[in-house]
Amino acid sequence: MLKGKTYLITGIADEHSLAMYVAKKIKEHGGQVICTGLGVSKFHENLSEKAKAFLDQNFKDFQESVHKELGKDTATEILDVSQEESVADFCENLKTKQIKVDGFLHAIAMDKTIRNKVVKPLLDVTFKEFCDTMEVSAFSLISLTSHLFKNNLLNADASICSLSYIAASKVTFHPYRNISIAKAALERITVELADEMGRKNGTRVNCIRFSPYMGSKAGNATLNEKDVEFAHQKSPLGNALPEDLAYEVLNLLRPNGRTTGEIRHVDGGYNIMG
């Protein structure tokens, strides 16, 4: 179904990341992937030794997971969406290698107001914390799309998918706060980009809200087993599995689709409950 197609995959932290399940399904169906992770780039200036060691280890772990799960021939690149220079440099590397993509998965989020499963009250969130979360978790969808398109790296009839959560529209049973606002922005950006990109070159842009999931580092930042079990019992079909998400993304990525501007739910029906 995806033979001859190449997709950019962001947001892989380890083998349990939701983005990894998507990447696997793309490869199983004949597509190729380019995976990006956070590491030390030439645009990181004045880093402390501790920060540099953290980023180096992060990229090493990311790269090892990708090569283990997707094969050693799978391309891995450093990408820091909080630095426009990094996004621009990534695109230059694609041009140098004469690679164009047929879409990408946006699975990036960051919120420093969450520490050890404790979520800072919204009234205590600083302007910088708010903007940092918004930049990485929402604006990066605009930035990455813009750079790819303006560098002629996004093929016509491409497809872009991002990952969200029901907290974008509802106060949830466990704290989410600051990043929930960024997810709401991400979903609104999805709708606006669907209009702009559809008219420019037929690119589709969609977003998926997934069930609570503790397998990823992001899920473990806020959730505990009690939260996941609550959602599982509340949902008519129980919590969705990572494979369910991967198949839904695959459906949205398939060529010649006519679905765009959608906020899809892959959550076992949790979203319909009161």
C-alpha atoms as a PDB file:
ATOM      1  CA  MET A   1       0.000   0.000   0.000  1.00  0.00           C
ATOM      2  CA  LEU A   2       2.876   2.390   0.795  1.00  0.00           C
ATOM      3  CA  LYS A   3       5.481   1.031  -1.609  1.00  0.00           C
ATOM      4  CA  GLY A   4       7.738   3.817  -2.832  1.00  0.00           C
ATOM      5  CA  LYS A   5       6.556   6.213  -0.118  1.00  0.00           C
ATOM      6  CA  THR A   6       8.764   7.816   2.544  1.00  0.00           C
ATOM      7  CA  TYR A   7       7.517   9.226   5.840  1.00  0.00           C
ATOM      8  CA  LEU A   8       9.151  11.291   8.544  1.00  0.00           C
ATOM      9  CA  ILE A   9       8.565   9.936  12.052  1.00  0.00           C
ATOM     10  CA  THR A  10       9.064  12.208  15.049  1.00  0.00           C
ATOM     11  CA  GLY A  11       8.622  11.434  18.725  1.00  0.00           C
ATOM     12  CA  ILE A  12      10.324   8.055  19.099  1.00  0.00           C
ATOM     13  CA  ALA A  13      11.930   7.795  22.529  1.00  0.00           C
ATOM     14  CA  ASP A  14      12.234   4.019  22.790  1.00  0.00           C
ATOM     15  CA  GLU A  15      10.744   0.791  21.443  1.00  0.00           C
ATOM     16  CA  HIS A  16       7.511   1.360  23.366  1.00  0.00           C
ATOM     17  CA  SER A  17       6.782   4.795  21.896  1.00  0.00           C
ATOM     18  CA  LEU A  18       3.530   5.115  19.982  1.00  0.00           C
ATOM     19  CA  ALA A  19       5.516   6.567  17.087  1.00  0.00           C
ATOM     20  CA  MET A  20       7.525   3.339  16.933  1.00  0.00           C
ATOM     21  CA  TYR A  21       4.359   1.292  16.403  1.00  0.00           C
ATOM     22  CA  VAL A  22       3.417   3.587  13.532  1.00  0.00           C
ATOM     23  CA  ALA A  23       6.878   3.336  11.975  1.00  0.00           C
ATOM     24  CA  LYS A  24       6.704  -0.461  12.125  1.00  0.00           C
ATOM     25  CA  LYS A  25       3.354  -0.555  10.358  1.00  0.00           C
ATOM     26  CA  ILE A  26       4.612   1.782   7.637  1.00  0.00           C
ATOM     27  CA  LYS A  27       7.564  -0.502   6.967  1.00  0.00           C
ATOM     28  CA  GLU A  28       5.379  -3.618   7.088  1.00  0.00           C
ATOM     29  CA  HIS A  29       3.263  -2.105   4.318  1.00  0.00           C
ATOM     30  CA  GLY A  30       6.163  -1.275   2.029  1.00  0.00           C
ATOM     31  CA  GLY A  31       6.977   2.288   3.066  1.00  0.00           C
ATOM     32  CA  GLN A  32      10.255   3.783   4.250  1.00  0.00           C
ATOM     33  CA  VAL A  33      10.776   5.971   7.312  1.00  0.00           C
ATOM     34  CA  ILE A  34      13.190   8.649   8.455  1.00  0.00           C
ATOM     35  CA  CYS A  35      13.211   8.872  12.247  1.00  0.00           C
ATOM     36  CA  THR A  36      14.222  11.963  14.170  1.00  0.00           C
ATOM     37  CA  GLY A  37      15.329  12.323  17.773  1.00  0.00           C
ATOM     38  CA  LEU A  38      16.706  14.928  20.129  1.00  0.00           C
ATOM     39  CA  GLY A  39      20.482  15.103  20.385  1.00  0.00           C
ATOM     40  CA  VAL A  40      23.361  17.554  20.468  1.00  0.00           C
ATOM     41  CA  SER A  41      23.450  19.601  17.275  1.00  0.00           C
ATOM     42  CA  LYS A  42      25.757  22.328  16.046  1.00  0.00           C
ATOM     43  CA  PHE A  43      23.088  24.825  17.052  1.00  0.00           C
ATOM     44  CA  HIS A  44      23.256  23.945  20.748  1.00  0.00           C
ATOM     45  CA  GLU A  45      25.548  26.591  22.212  1.00  0.00           C
ATOM     46  CA  ASN A  46      26.904  26.917  25.747  1.00  0.00           C
ATOM     47  CA  LEU A  47      25.545  23.576  26.879  1.00  0.00           C
ATOM     48  CA  SER A  48      26.643  22.350  30.283  1.00  0.00           C
ATOM     49  CA  GLU A  49      28.422  19.016  30.401  1.00  0.00           C
ATOM     50  CA  LYS A  50      25.377  17.569  32.158  1.00  0.00           C
ATOM     51  CA  ALA A  51      23.017  18.794  29.438  1.00  0.00           C
ATOM     52  CA  LYS A  52      25.310  17.568  26.685  1.00  0.00           C
ATOM     53  CA  ALA A  53      25.606  14.139  28.318  1.00  0.00           C
ATOM     54  CA  PHE A  54      21.821  13.933  28.625  1.00  0.00           C
ATOM     55  CA  LEU A  55      21.243  14.797  24.949  1.00  0.00           C
ATOM     56  CA  ASP A  56      23.983  12.437  23.792  1.00  0.00           C
ATOM     57  CA  GLN A  57      22.491   9.575  25.795  1.00  0.00           C
ATOM     58  CA  ASN A  58      18.986  10.461  24.566  1.00  0.00           C
ATOM     59  CA  PHE A  59      20.050  10.240  20.921  1.00  0.00           C
ATOM     60  CA  LYS A  60      22.038   7.046  21.539  1.00  0.00           C
ATOM     61  CA  ASP A  61      19.025   5.361  23.170  1.00  0.00           C
ATOM     62  CA  PHE A  62      16.743   6.592  20.377  1.00  0.00           C
ATOM     63  CA  GLN A  63      19.079   5.364  17.654  1.00  0.00           C
ATOM     64  CA  GLU A  64      19.573   1.957  19.266  1.00  0.00           C
ATOM     65  CA  SER A  65      15.800   1.501  19.609  1.00  0.00           C
ATOM     66  CA  VAL A  66      15.194   2.439  15.973  1.00  0.00           C
ATOM     67  CA  HIS A  67      17.873   0.142  14.637  1.00  0.00           C
ATOM     68  CA  LYS A  68      16.711  -2.722  16.862  1.00  0.00           C
ATOM     69  CA  GLU A  69      13.037  -2.441  15.925  1.00  0.00           C
ATOM     70  CA  LEU A  70      13.193  -1.099  12.361  1.00  0.00           C
ATOM     71  CA  GLY A  71      16.541  -2.308  11.054  1.00  0.00           C
ATOM     72  CA  LYS A  72      20.019  -0.814  10.957  1.00  0.00           C
ATOM     73  CA  ASP A  73      19.383   0.643   7.523  1.00  0.00           C
ATOM     74  CA  THR A  74      16.672   2.952   8.933  1.00  0.00           C
ATOM     75  CA  ALA A  75      17.722   6.596   8.722  1.00  0.00           C
ATOM     76  CA  THR A  76      18.041   8.525  11.996  1.00  0.00           C
ATOM     77  CA  GLU A  77      18.528  12.281  12.222  1.00  0.00           C
ATOM     78  CA  ILE A  78      18.880  14.872  14.971  1.00  0.00           C
ATOM     79  CA  LEU A  79      15.981  17.328  15.039  1.00  0.00           C
ATOM     80  CA  ASP A  80      15.211  19.924  17.707  1.00  0.00           C
ATOM     81  CA  VAL A  81      11.920  21.607  16.800  1.00  0.00           C
ATOM     82  CA  SER A  82      12.539  24.324  19.384  1.00  0.00           C
ATOM     83  CA  GLN A  83      15.373  25.612  17.178  1.00  0.00           C
ATOM     84  CA  GLU A  84      14.376  26.900  13.764  1.00  0.00           C
ATOM     85  CA  GLU A  85      17.979  26.492  12.636  1.00  0.00           C
ATOM     86  CA  SER A  86      17.778  22.786  13.433  1.00  0.00           C
ATOM     87  CA  VAL A  87      14.588  22.372  11.379  1.00  0.00           C
ATOM     88  CA  ALA A  88      16.150  24.293   8.488  1.00  0.00           C
ATOM     89  CA  ASP A  89      19.352  22.225   8.687  1.00  0.00           C
ATOM     90  CA  PHE A  90      17.350  18.994   8.709  1.00  0.00           C
ATOM     91  CA  CYS A  91      15.630  20.104   5.506  1.00  0.00           C
ATOM     92  CA  GLU A  92      18.966  20.978   3.922  1.00  0.00           C
ATOM     93  CA  ASN A  93      20.180  17.461   4.704  1.00  0.00           C
ATOM     94  CA  LEU A  94      17.121  16.003   2.989  1.00  0.00           C
ATOM     95  CA  LYS A  95      17.781  18.172  -0.081  1.00  0.00           C
ATOM     96  CA  THR A  96      21.423  17.121  -0.177  1.00  0.00           C
ATOM     97  CA  LYS A  97      20.343  13.476  -0.130  1.00  0.00           C
ATOM     98  CA  GLN A  98      17.609  14.218  -2.693  1.00  0.00           C
ATOM     99  CA  ILE A  99      14.926  12.860  -0.388  1.00  0.00           C
ATOM    100  CA  LYS A 100      11.312  14.030  -0.446  1.00  0.00           C
ATOM    101  CA  VAL A 101       8.692  12.837   2.003  1.00  0.00           C
ATOM    102  CA  ASP A 102       5.090  11.801   1.514  1.00  0.00           C
ATOM    103  CA  GLY A 103       4.067  13.026   4.933  1.00  0.00           C
ATOM    104  CA  PHE A 104       4.993  12.783   8.566  1.00  0.00           C
ATOM    105  CA  LEU A 105       3.866  11.807  12.037  1.00  0.00           C
ATOM    106  CA  HIS A 106       3.928  14.592  14.605  1.00  0.00           C
ATOM    107  CA  ALA A 107       4.329  12.887  17.984  1.00  0.00           C
ATOM    108  CA  ILE A 108       6.277  15.588  19.811  1.00  0.00           C
ATOM    109  CA  ALA A 109       5.273  17.094  23.129  1.00  0.00           C
ATOM    110  CA  MET A 110       7.059  18.751  26.036  1.00  0.00           C
ATOM    111  CA  ASP A 111       5.861  20.274  29.296  1.00  0.00           C
ATOM    112  CA  LYS A 112       8.324  21.168  32.039  1.00  0.00           C
ATOM    113  CA  THR A 113       5.478  21.906  34.438  1.00  0.00           C
ATOM    114  CA  ILE A 114       5.101  18.132  34.909  1.00  0.00           C
ATOM    115  CA  ARG A 115       7.639  16.578  37.254  1.00  0.00           C
ATOM    116  CA  ASN A 116       7.438  13.152  38.938  1.00  0.00           C
ATOM    117  CA  LYS A 117       3.741  12.830  38.051  1.00  0.00           C
ATOM    118  CA  VAL A 118       3.025  16.149  39.759  1.00  0.00           C
ATOM    119  CA  VAL A 119       1.325  18.701  37.497  1.00  0.00           C
ATOM    120  CA  LYS A 120       1.767  22.376  38.320  1.00  0.00           C
ATOM    121  CA  PRO A 121      -1.554  24.219  38.751  1.00  0.00           C
ATOM    122  CA  LEU A 122      -2.359  26.426  35.783  1.00  0.00           C
ATOM    123  CA  LEU A 123      -2.338  29.521  37.996  1.00  0.00           C
ATOM    124  CA  ASP A 124       1.330  28.833  38.775  1.00  0.00           C
ATOM    125  CA  VAL A 125       2.475  28.286  35.181  1.00  0.00           C
ATOM    126  CA  THR A 126       4.872  30.987  34.015  1.00  0.00           C
ATOM    127  CA  PHE A 127       4.699  32.713  30.640  1.00  0.00           C
ATOM    128  CA  LYS A 128       7.956  31.038  29.589  1.00  0.00           C
ATOM    129  CA  GLU A 129       6.720  27.589  30.617  1.00  0.00           C
ATOM    130  CA  PHE A 130       3.495  28.186  28.713  1.00  0.00           C
ATOM    131  CA  CYS A 131       5.314  29.352  25.563  1.00  0.00           C
ATOM    132  CA  ASP A 132       7.926  26.571  25.687  1.00  0.00           C
ATOM    133  CA  THR A 133       5.179  23.943  25.853  1.00  0.00           C
ATOM    134  CA  MET A 134       3.203  25.622  23.081  1.00  0.00           C
ATOM    135  CA  GLU A 135       6.276  25.916  20.837  1.00  0.00           C
ATOM    136  CA  VAL A 136       7.298  22.262  21.046  1.00  0.00           C
ATOM    137  CA  SER A 137       3.883  20.622  21.375  1.00  0.00           C
ATOM    138  CA  ALA A 138       1.850  22.715  18.912  1.00  0.00           C
ATOM    139  CA  PHE A 139       3.726  25.310  16.857  1.00  0.00           C
ATOM    140  CA  SER A 140       6.237  22.680  15.719  1.00  0.00           C
ATOM    141  CA  LEU A 141       3.489  21.235  13.507  1.00  0.00           C
ATOM    142  CA  ILE A 142       3.362  24.548  11.620  1.00  0.00           C
ATOM    143  CA  SER A 143       7.142  24.957  11.580  1.00  0.00           C
ATOM    144  CA  LEU A 144       7.910  21.477  10.265  1.00  0.00           C
ATOM    145  CA  THR A 145       5.164  21.615   7.634  1.00  0.00           C
ATOM    146  CA  SER A 146       6.266  25.064   6.487  1.00  0.00           C
ATOM    147  CA  HIS A 147       9.955  24.187   6.156  1.00  0.00           C
ATOM    148  CA  LEU A 148       9.250  20.968   4.285  1.00  0.00           C
ATOM    149  CA  PHE A 149       6.791  22.607   1.909  1.00  0.00           C
ATOM    150  CA  LYS A 150       8.839  25.733   1.200  1.00  0.00           C
ATOM    151  CA  ASN A 151      11.905  23.601   0.478  1.00  0.00           C
ATOM    152  CA  ASN A 152       9.893  21.486  -1.989  1.00  0.00           C
ATOM    153  CA  LEU A 153      10.393  18.420   0.187  1.00  0.00           C
ATOM    154  CA  LEU A 154       6.724  17.553   0.697  1.00  0.00           C
ATOM    155  CA  ASN A 155       5.266  15.616  -2.206  1.00  0.00           C
ATOM    156  CA  ALA A 156       1.790  16.385  -3.506  1.00  0.00           C
ATOM    157  CA  ASP A 157      -0.950  14.215  -1.989  1.00  0.00           C
ATOM    158  CA  ALA A 158       1.078  13.960   1.210  1.00  0.00           C
ATOM    159  CA  SER A 159      -0.482  13.154   4.577  1.00  0.00           C
ATOM    160  CA  ILE A 160       0.336  14.570   8.004  1.00  0.00           C
ATOM    161  CA  CYS A 161      -0.905  13.057  11.270  1.00  0.00           C
ATOM    162  CA  SER A 162      -0.440  14.324  14.807  1.00  0.00           C
ATOM    163  CA  LEU A 163      -1.207  12.769  18.189  1.00  0.00           C
ATOM    164  CA  SER A 164      -3.493  14.385  20.736  1.00  0.00           C
ATOM    165  CA  TYR A 165      -5.615  13.418  23.713  1.00  0.00           C
ATOM    166  CA  ILE A 166      -9.149  14.036  24.966  1.00  0.00           C
ATOM    167  CA  ALA A 167      -7.789  16.571  27.470  1.00  0.00           C
ATOM    168  CA  ALA A 168      -7.578  18.985  24.537  1.00  0.00           C
ATOM    169  CA  SER A 169     -11.313  19.572  24.995  1.00  0.00           C
ATOM    170  CA  LYS A 170     -12.232  18.227  28.448  1.00  0.00           C
ATOM    171  CA  VAL A 171     -10.872  18.356  31.977  1.00  0.00           C
ATOM    172  CA  THR A 172      -9.755  14.769  32.514  1.00  0.00           C
ATOM    173  CA  PHE A 173      -9.818  12.420  35.476  1.00  0.00           C
ATOM    174  CA  HIS A 174      -6.104  13.005  36.060  1.00  0.00           C
ATOM    175  CA  PRO A 175      -4.305  16.383  35.878  1.00  0.00           C
ATOM    176  CA  TYR A 176      -3.089  17.542  32.480  1.00  0.00           C
ATOM    177  CA  ARG A 177      -3.376  21.354  32.665  1.00  0.00           C
ATOM    178  CA  ASN A 178      -0.720  23.254  30.701  1.00  0.00           C
ATOM    179  CA  ILE A 179      -0.115  20.732  27.937  1.00  0.00           C
ATOM    180  CA  SER A 180      -3.862  20.264  27.430  1.00  0.00           C
ATOM    181  CA  ILE A 181      -3.965  23.828  26.139  1.00  0.00           C
ATOM    182  CA  ALA A 182      -1.118  23.065  23.741  1.00  0.00           C
ATOM    183  CA  LYS A 183      -2.998  19.972  22.526  1.00  0.00           C
ATOM    184  CA  ALA A 184      -6.072  22.128  21.909  1.00  0.00           C
ATOM    185  CA  ALA A 185      -3.889  24.462  19.862  1.00  0.00           C
ATOM    186  CA  LEU A 186      -2.421  21.475  18.005  1.00  0.00           C
ATOM    187  CA  GLU A 187      -5.909  20.363  17.008  1.00  0.00           C
ATOM    188  CA  ARG A 188      -6.902  23.831  15.817  1.00  0.00           C
ATOM    189  CA  ILE A 189      -3.653  24.079  13.846  1.00  0.00           C
ATOM    190  CA  THR A 190      -4.561  20.729  12.265  1.00  0.00           C
ATOM    191  CA  VAL A 191      -7.823  22.157  10.959  1.00  0.00           C
ATOM    192  CA  GLU A 192      -6.263  25.351   9.595  1.00  0.00           C
ATOM    193  CA  LEU A 193      -3.359  23.510   7.958  1.00  0.00           C
ATOM    194  CA  ALA A 194      -5.800  21.046   6.403  1.00  0.00           C
ATOM    195  CA  ASP A 195      -7.407  23.971   4.585  1.00  0.00           C
ATOM    196  CA  GLU A 196      -4.153  25.662   3.539  1.00  0.00           C
ATOM    197  CA  MET A 197      -2.195  22.568   2.564  1.00  0.00           C
ATOM    198  CA  GLY A 198      -5.101  20.891   0.798  1.00  0.00           C
ATOM    199  CA  ARG A 199      -5.397  23.874  -1.512  1.00  0.00           C
ATOM    200  CA  LYS A 200      -1.642  24.215  -2.025  1.00  0.00           C
ATOM    201  CA  ASN A 201      -0.674  20.675  -3.018  1.00  0.00           C
ATOM    202  CA  GLY A 202      -3.371  18.261  -1.877  1.00  0.00           C
ATOM    203  CA  THR A 203      -1.735  17.492   1.452  1.00  0.00           C
ATOM    204  CA  ARG A 204      -4.081  16.096   4.112  1.00  0.00           C
ATOM    205  CA  VAL A 205      -3.702  16.980   7.792  1.00  0.00           C
ATOM    206  CA  ASN A 206      -5.398  15.012  10.562  1.00  0.00           C
ATOM    207  CA  CYS A 207      -5.103  14.443  14.298  1.00  0.00           C
ATOM    208  CA  ILE A 208      -5.814  11.415  16.505  1.00  0.00           C
ATOM    209  CA  ARG A 209      -6.819  11.334  20.158  1.00  0.00           C
ATOM    210  CA  PHE A 210      -5.593   8.108  21.726  1.00  0.00           C
ATOM    211  CA  SER A 211      -6.418   6.211  24.918  1.00  0.00           C
ATOM    212  CA  PRO A 212      -4.364   6.654  28.094  1.00  0.00           C
ATOM    213  CA  TYR A 213      -1.141   4.731  27.533  1.00  0.00           C
ATOM    214  CA  MET A 214       1.670   4.120  30.021  1.00  0.00           C
ATOM    215  CA  GLY A 215       4.048   2.329  27.668  1.00  0.00           C
ATOM    216  CA  SER A 216       5.634   5.568  26.512  1.00  0.00           C
ATOM    217  CA  LYS A 217       7.746   8.036  28.477  1.00  0.00           C
ATOM    218  CA  ALA A 218       5.111  10.695  27.838  1.00  0.00           C
ATOM    219  CA  GLY A 219       2.352   8.551  29.320  1.00  0.00           C
ATOM    220  CA  ASN A 220       4.415   7.715  32.369  1.00  0.00           C
ATOM    221  CA  ALA A 221       4.926  11.408  33.062  1.00  0.00           C
ATOM    222  CA  THR A 222       1.331  11.841  34.250  1.00  0.00           C
ATOM    223  CA  LEU A 223      -0.476   8.512  34.391  1.00  0.00           C
ATOM    224  CA  ASN A 224      -0.570   5.671  36.867  1.00  0.00           C
ATOM    225  CA  GLU A 225      -2.122   2.225  36.552  1.00  0.00           C
ATOM    226  CA  LYS A 226      -5.277   3.321  38.363  1.00  0.00           C
ATOM    227  CA  ASP A 227      -5.875   6.044  35.754  1.00  0.00           C
ATOM    228  CA  VAL A 228      -5.436   3.625  32.868  1.00  0.00           C
ATOM    229  CA  GLU A 229      -7.730   1.057  34.466  1.00  0.00           C
ATOM    230  CA  PHE A 230     -10.402   3.723  35.072  1.00  0.00           C
ATOM    231  CA  ALA A 231     -10.413   4.641  31.374  1.00  0.00           C
ATOM    232  CA  HIS A 232     -10.421   0.969  30.397  1.00  0.00           C
ATOM    233  CA  GLN A 233     -13.531   0.301  32.506  1.00  0.00           C
ATOM    234  CA  LYS A 234     -15.243   3.494  31.333  1.00  0.00           C
ATOM    235  CA  SER A 235     -14.706   2.857  27.619  1.00  0.00           C
ATOM    236  CA  PRO A 236     -17.293   0.634  25.844  1.00  0.00           C
ATOM    237  CA  LEU A 237     -14.539  -1.329  24.104  1.00  0.00           C
ATOM    238  CA  GLY A 238     -11.840  -0.807  26.701  1.00  0.00           C
ATOM    239  CA  ASN A 239      -8.664   1.127  26.000  1.00  0.00           C
ATOM    240  CA  ALA A 240      -7.314   1.048  22.460  1.00  0.00           C
ATOM    241  CA  LEU A 241      -3.965  -0.615  21.827  1.00  0.00           C
ATOM    242  CA  PRO A 242      -0.923   0.967  20.166  1.00  0.00           C
ATOM    243  CA  GLU A 243      -1.559  -1.273  17.159  1.00  0.00           C
ATOM    244  CA  ASP A 244      -5.045   0.247  16.818  1.00  0.00           C
ATOM    245  CA  LEU A 245      -3.472   3.683  16.620  1.00  0.00           C
ATOM    246  CA  ALA A 246      -0.894   2.507  14.093  1.00  0.00           C
ATOM    247  CA  TYR A 247      -3.563   1.091  11.789  1.00  0.00           C
ATOM    248  CA  GLU A 248      -5.566   4.320  11.977  1.00  0.00           C
ATOM    249  CA  VAL A 249      -2.506   6.392  11.093  1.00  0.00           C
ATOM    250  CA  LEU A 250      -1.765   3.967   8.257  1.00  0.00           C
ATOM    251  CA  ASN A 251      -5.272   4.492   6.905  1.00  0.00           C
ATOM    252  CA  LEU A 252      -4.831   8.267   6.992  1.00  0.00           C
ATOM    253  CA  LEU A 253      -1.399   8.066   5.338  1.00  0.00           C
ATOM    254  CA  ARG A 254      -2.538   5.929   2.412  1.00  0.00           C
ATOM    255  CA  PRO A 255      -2.266   7.637  -0.997  1.00  0.00           C
ATOM    256  CA  ASN A 256      -5.267   9.266  -2.667  1.00  0.00           C
ATOM    257  CA  GLY A 257      -7.288   9.634   0.514  1.00  0.00           C
ATOM    258  CA  ARG A 258      -9.971  12.288   0.916  1.00  0.00           C
ATOM    259  CA  THR A 259     -10.003  12.623   4.702  1.00  0.00           C
ATOM    260  CA  THR A 260      -8.587  15.869   6.090  1.00  0.00           C
ATOM    261  CA  GLY A 261      -9.108  18.257   8.982  1.00  0.00           C
ATOM    262  CA  GLU A 262     -10.335  15.401  11.181  1.00  0.00           C
ATOM    263  CA  ILE A 263      -9.848  14.966  14.926  1.00  0.00           C
ATOM    264  CA  ARG A 264     -10.190  11.193  15.143  1.00  0.00           C
ATOM    265  CA  HIS A 265     -10.737   9.159  18.321  1.00  0.00           C
ATOM    266  CA  VAL A 266      -8.954   5.856  18.795  1.00  0.00           C
ATOM    267  CA  ASP A 267      -9.893   5.315  22.422  1.00  0.00           C
ATOM    268  CA  GLY A 268     -12.357   2.427  22.639  1.00  0.00           C
ATOM    269  CA  GLY A 269     -15.226   4.886  22.801  1.00  0.00           C
ATOM    270  CA  TYR A 270     -14.034   6.713  25.914  1.00  0.00           C
ATOM    271  CA  ASN A 271     -14.828  10.061  24.276  1.00  0.00           C
ATOM    272  CA  ILE A 272     -18.577   9.331  24.079  1.00  0.00           C
ATOM    273  CA  MET A 273     -18.962   8.757  27.805  1.00  0.00           C
ATOM    274  CA  GLY A 274     -20.230  11.397  30.205  1.00  0.00           C
END
